[in-house]
Amino acid sequence: MLRCVFVGSPNRFTKLIVHWLSTHVHLTGVVWTSSAHWANSLSGRVRFAKKRVSKFGILKTLDEALYYALSKKLLKDTGAPFQRRLLDAYVREYGLPEWEGDSMQTDDINSKDVIKFVRERI
């Protein structure tokens, strides 16, 4: 059976994915990351944008920013109700999406601790 480690930010949807994975593959661990914490403040967003500009250029960064803003605006009214219906249906069918196996929390998915955690589980 396929062995895997899930890496992602903890939210209702990713917890559902982890639960589903645990029933369909050999899920050996979960790494919860807060690598998107930059999005919680304006200064964090500015720092993130500056890094993207230096790495990918102004046009690609602007394209990504406009897509992000537009998708948030368009999906604002449909995204949350859709996720709620999906989560409710999943809970009715499979129960609460709880992971009780090995997991860790990190701000840096490239840290030595995370790499060690993943290597020990694959």
C-alpha atoms as a PDB file:
ATOM      1  CA  MET A   1       0.000   0.000   0.000  1.00  0.00           C
ATOM      2  CA  LEU A   2       1.151   3.537  -0.697  1.00  0.00           C
ATOM      3  CA  ARG A   3       2.834   5.211   2.291  1.00  0.00           C
ATOM      4  CA  CYS A   4       2.544   8.961   2.564  1.00  0.00           C
ATOM      5  CA  VAL A   5       2.973  11.969   4.827  1.00  0.00           C
ATOM      6  CA  PHE A   6       0.565  14.878   4.437  1.00  0.00           C
ATOM      7  CA  VAL A   7       1.955  18.420   4.619  1.00  0.00           C
ATOM      8  CA  GLY A   8      -0.429  21.373   4.817  1.00  0.00           C
ATOM      9  CA  SER A   9      -2.010  24.171   6.795  1.00  0.00           C
ATOM     10  CA  PRO A  10      -4.569  23.018   9.346  1.00  0.00           C
ATOM     11  CA  ASN A  11      -8.121  23.974   8.431  1.00  0.00           C
ATOM     12  CA  ARG A  12     -11.467  22.219   8.104  1.00  0.00           C
ATOM     13  CA  PHE A  13     -10.827  21.122   4.532  1.00  0.00           C
ATOM     14  CA  THR A  14      -7.288  19.799   4.996  1.00  0.00           C
ATOM     15  CA  LYS A  15      -8.360  17.908   8.114  1.00  0.00           C
ATOM     16  CA  LEU A  16     -11.016  16.257   5.967  1.00  0.00           C
ATOM     17  CA  ILE A  17      -8.348  15.359   3.370  1.00  0.00           C
ATOM     18  CA  VAL A  18      -6.115  13.876   6.083  1.00  0.00           C
ATOM     19  CA  HIS A  19      -8.985  11.760   7.372  1.00  0.00           C
ATOM     20  CA  TRP A  20      -9.868  10.578   3.862  1.00  0.00           C
ATOM     21  CA  LEU A  21      -6.206   9.765   3.108  1.00  0.00           C
ATOM     22  CA  SER A  22      -5.952   7.772   6.336  1.00  0.00           C
ATOM     23  CA  THR A  23      -8.714   5.487   5.061  1.00  0.00           C
ATOM     24  CA  HIS A  24      -7.314   5.051   1.525  1.00  0.00           C
ATOM     25  CA  VAL A  25      -3.504   4.974   1.848  1.00  0.00           C
ATOM     26  CA  HIS A  26      -0.991   4.158   4.556  1.00  0.00           C
ATOM     27  CA  LEU A  27      -0.794   7.661   6.073  1.00  0.00           C
ATOM     28  CA  THR A  28       2.251   7.589   8.315  1.00  0.00           C
ATOM     29  CA  GLY A  29       2.269  11.185   9.542  1.00  0.00           C
ATOM     30  CA  VAL A  30       1.034  14.741   9.188  1.00  0.00           C
ATOM     31  CA  VAL A  31       3.064  17.940   9.129  1.00  0.00           C
ATOM     32  CA  TRP A  32       0.927  20.968   9.951  1.00  0.00           C
ATOM     33  CA  THR A  33       2.519  24.168   8.740  1.00  0.00           C
ATOM     34  CA  SER A  34       1.725  27.800   9.297  1.00  0.00           C
ATOM     35  CA  SER A  35       3.778  28.768   6.264  1.00  0.00           C
ATOM     36  CA  ALA A  36       0.936  30.983   5.014  1.00  0.00           C
ATOM     37  CA  HIS A  37       0.970  33.127   8.168  1.00  0.00           C
ATOM     38  CA  TRP A  38       2.240  35.965   5.953  1.00  0.00           C
ATOM     39  CA  ALA A  39      -1.350  36.421   4.721  1.00  0.00           C
ATOM     40  CA  ASN A  40      -2.573  37.484   8.174  1.00  0.00           C
ATOM     41  CA  SER A  41      -1.185  41.030   7.988  1.00  0.00           C
ATOM     42  CA  LEU A  42      -0.566  43.741   5.422  1.00  0.00           C
ATOM     43  CA  SER A  43       3.139  43.868   6.260  1.00  0.00           C
ATOM     44  CA  GLY A  44       3.351  40.092   5.802  1.00  0.00           C
ATOM     45  CA  ARG A  45       1.678  40.359   2.406  1.00  0.00           C
ATOM     46  CA  VAL A  46       4.061  43.128   1.348  1.00  0.00           C
ATOM     47  CA  ARG A  47       7.104  41.058   2.393  1.00  0.00           C
ATOM     48  CA  PHE A  48       5.726  38.047   0.552  1.00  0.00           C
ATOM     49  CA  ALA A  49       5.072  40.111  -2.596  1.00  0.00           C
ATOM     50  CA  LYS A  50       8.606  41.545  -2.524  1.00  0.00           C
ATOM     51  CA  LYS A  51      10.054  38.034  -2.351  1.00  0.00           C
ATOM     52  CA  ARG A  52       7.840  36.912  -5.258  1.00  0.00           C
ATOM     53  CA  VAL A  53       8.884  39.935  -7.348  1.00  0.00           C
ATOM     54  CA  SER A  54      12.574  39.257  -6.751  1.00  0.00           C
ATOM     55  CA  LYS A  55      12.142  35.567  -7.573  1.00  0.00           C
ATOM     56  CA  PHE A  56       9.630  35.634 -10.453  1.00  0.00           C
ATOM     57  CA  GLY A  57       9.379  39.235 -11.665  1.00  0.00           C
ATOM     58  CA  ILE A  58       6.730  41.922 -11.471  1.00  0.00           C
ATOM     59  CA  LEU A  59       4.378  40.565 -14.179  1.00  0.00           C
ATOM     60  CA  LYS A  60       4.024  37.071 -12.714  1.00  0.00           C
ATOM     61  CA  THR A  61       3.630  38.482  -9.210  1.00  0.00           C
ATOM     62  CA  LEU A  62       0.988  40.968 -10.381  1.00  0.00           C
ATOM     63  CA  ASP A  63      -0.811  38.194 -12.265  1.00  0.00           C
ATOM     64  CA  GLU A  64      -0.863  36.025  -9.120  1.00  0.00           C
ATOM     65  CA  ALA A  65      -2.040  38.920  -6.933  1.00  0.00           C
ATOM     66  CA  LEU A  66      -4.869  39.820  -9.312  1.00  0.00           C
ATOM     67  CA  TYR A  67      -5.944  36.184  -9.612  1.00  0.00           C
ATOM     68  CA  TYR A  68      -5.923  35.834  -5.819  1.00  0.00           C
ATOM     69  CA  ALA A  69      -7.957  39.032  -5.328  1.00  0.00           C
ATOM     70  CA  LEU A  70     -10.437  38.157  -8.072  1.00  0.00           C
ATOM     71  CA  SER A  71     -10.910  34.576  -6.927  1.00  0.00           C
ATOM     72  CA  LYS A  72     -11.478  35.719  -3.335  1.00  0.00           C
ATOM     73  CA  LYS A  73     -14.098  38.219  -4.513  1.00  0.00           C
ATOM     74  CA  LEU A  74     -15.869  35.751  -6.812  1.00  0.00           C
ATOM     75  CA  LEU A  75     -15.724  32.763  -4.476  1.00  0.00           C
ATOM     76  CA  LYS A  76     -16.518  34.651  -1.283  1.00  0.00           C
ATOM     77  CA  ASP A  77     -20.236  33.894  -1.408  1.00  0.00           C
ATOM     78  CA  THR A  78     -19.991  30.375  -2.843  1.00  0.00           C
ATOM     79  CA  GLY A  79     -16.837  28.990  -1.229  1.00  0.00           C
ATOM     80  CA  ALA A  80     -17.843  28.935   2.426  1.00  0.00           C
ATOM     81  CA  PRO A  81     -21.330  27.420   1.900  1.00  0.00           C
ATOM     82  CA  PHE A  82     -19.868  24.819  -0.471  1.00  0.00           C
ATOM     83  CA  GLN A  83     -17.191  23.829   2.043  1.00  0.00           C
ATOM     84  CA  ARG A  84     -19.781  23.665   4.803  1.00  0.00           C
ATOM     85  CA  ARG A  85     -22.029  21.358   2.706  1.00  0.00           C
ATOM     86  CA  LEU A  86     -19.026  19.202   1.771  1.00  0.00           C
ATOM     87  CA  LEU A  87     -17.857  18.906   5.377  1.00  0.00           C
ATOM     88  CA  ASP A  88     -21.372  18.169   6.662  1.00  0.00           C
ATOM     89  CA  ALA A  89     -21.867  15.438   4.048  1.00  0.00           C
ATOM     90  CA  TYR A  90     -18.464  13.930   4.840  1.00  0.00           C
ATOM     91  CA  VAL A  91     -19.163  13.887   8.586  1.00  0.00           C
ATOM     92  CA  ARG A  92     -22.543  12.206   8.013  1.00  0.00           C
ATOM     93  CA  GLU A  93     -20.883   9.520   5.880  1.00  0.00           C
ATOM     94  CA  TYR A  94     -17.548   8.936   7.632  1.00  0.00           C
ATOM     95  CA  GLY A  95     -17.650  10.658  11.011  1.00  0.00           C
ATOM     96  CA  LEU A  96     -15.559  13.547  12.308  1.00  0.00           C
ATOM     97  CA  PRO A  97     -12.293  14.034  10.402  1.00  0.00           C
ATOM     98  CA  GLU A  98      -9.867  13.425  13.268  1.00  0.00           C
ATOM     99  CA  TRP A  99      -6.222  12.385  12.872  1.00  0.00           C
ATOM    100  CA  GLU A 100      -4.758  10.630  15.883  1.00  0.00           C
ATOM    101  CA  GLY A 101      -1.489   9.444  14.345  1.00  0.00           C
ATOM    102  CA  ASP A 102       1.952  11.053  14.371  1.00  0.00           C
ATOM    103  CA  SER A 103       1.975  14.747  13.584  1.00  0.00           C
ATOM    104  CA  MET A 104       4.073  17.842  14.069  1.00  0.00           C
ATOM    105  CA  GLN A 105       3.647  21.603  13.771  1.00  0.00           C
ATOM    106  CA  THR A 106       6.188  23.796  11.971  1.00  0.00           C
ATOM    107  CA  ASP A 107       6.738  27.238  10.488  1.00  0.00           C
ATOM    108  CA  ASP A 108       9.469  25.924   8.158  1.00  0.00           C
ATOM    109  CA  ILE A 109       8.700  22.840   6.067  1.00  0.00           C
ATOM    110  CA  ASN A 110      12.360  22.693   5.033  1.00  0.00           C
ATOM    111  CA  SER A 111      13.666  22.445   8.597  1.00  0.00           C
ATOM    112  CA  LYS A 112      15.845  19.524   9.654  1.00  0.00           C
ATOM    113  CA  ASP A 113      13.148  18.374  12.095  1.00  0.00           C
ATOM    114  CA  VAL A 114      10.526  18.142   9.347  1.00  0.00           C
ATOM    115  CA  ILE A 115      12.872  16.330   6.972  1.00  0.00           C
ATOM    116  CA  LYS A 116      13.773  13.870   9.730  1.00  0.00           C
ATOM    117  CA  PHE A 117      10.065  13.388  10.581  1.00  0.00           C
ATOM    118  CA  VAL A 118       9.208  12.599   6.949  1.00  0.00           C
ATOM    119  CA  ARG A 119      12.217  10.321   6.374  1.00  0.00           C
ATOM    120  CA  GLU A 120      11.374   8.292   9.465  1.00  0.00           C
ATOM    121  CA  ARG A 121       7.905   7.649   8.102  1.00  0.00           C
ATOM    122  CA  ILE A 122       8.560   6.706   4.477  1.00  0.00           C
END
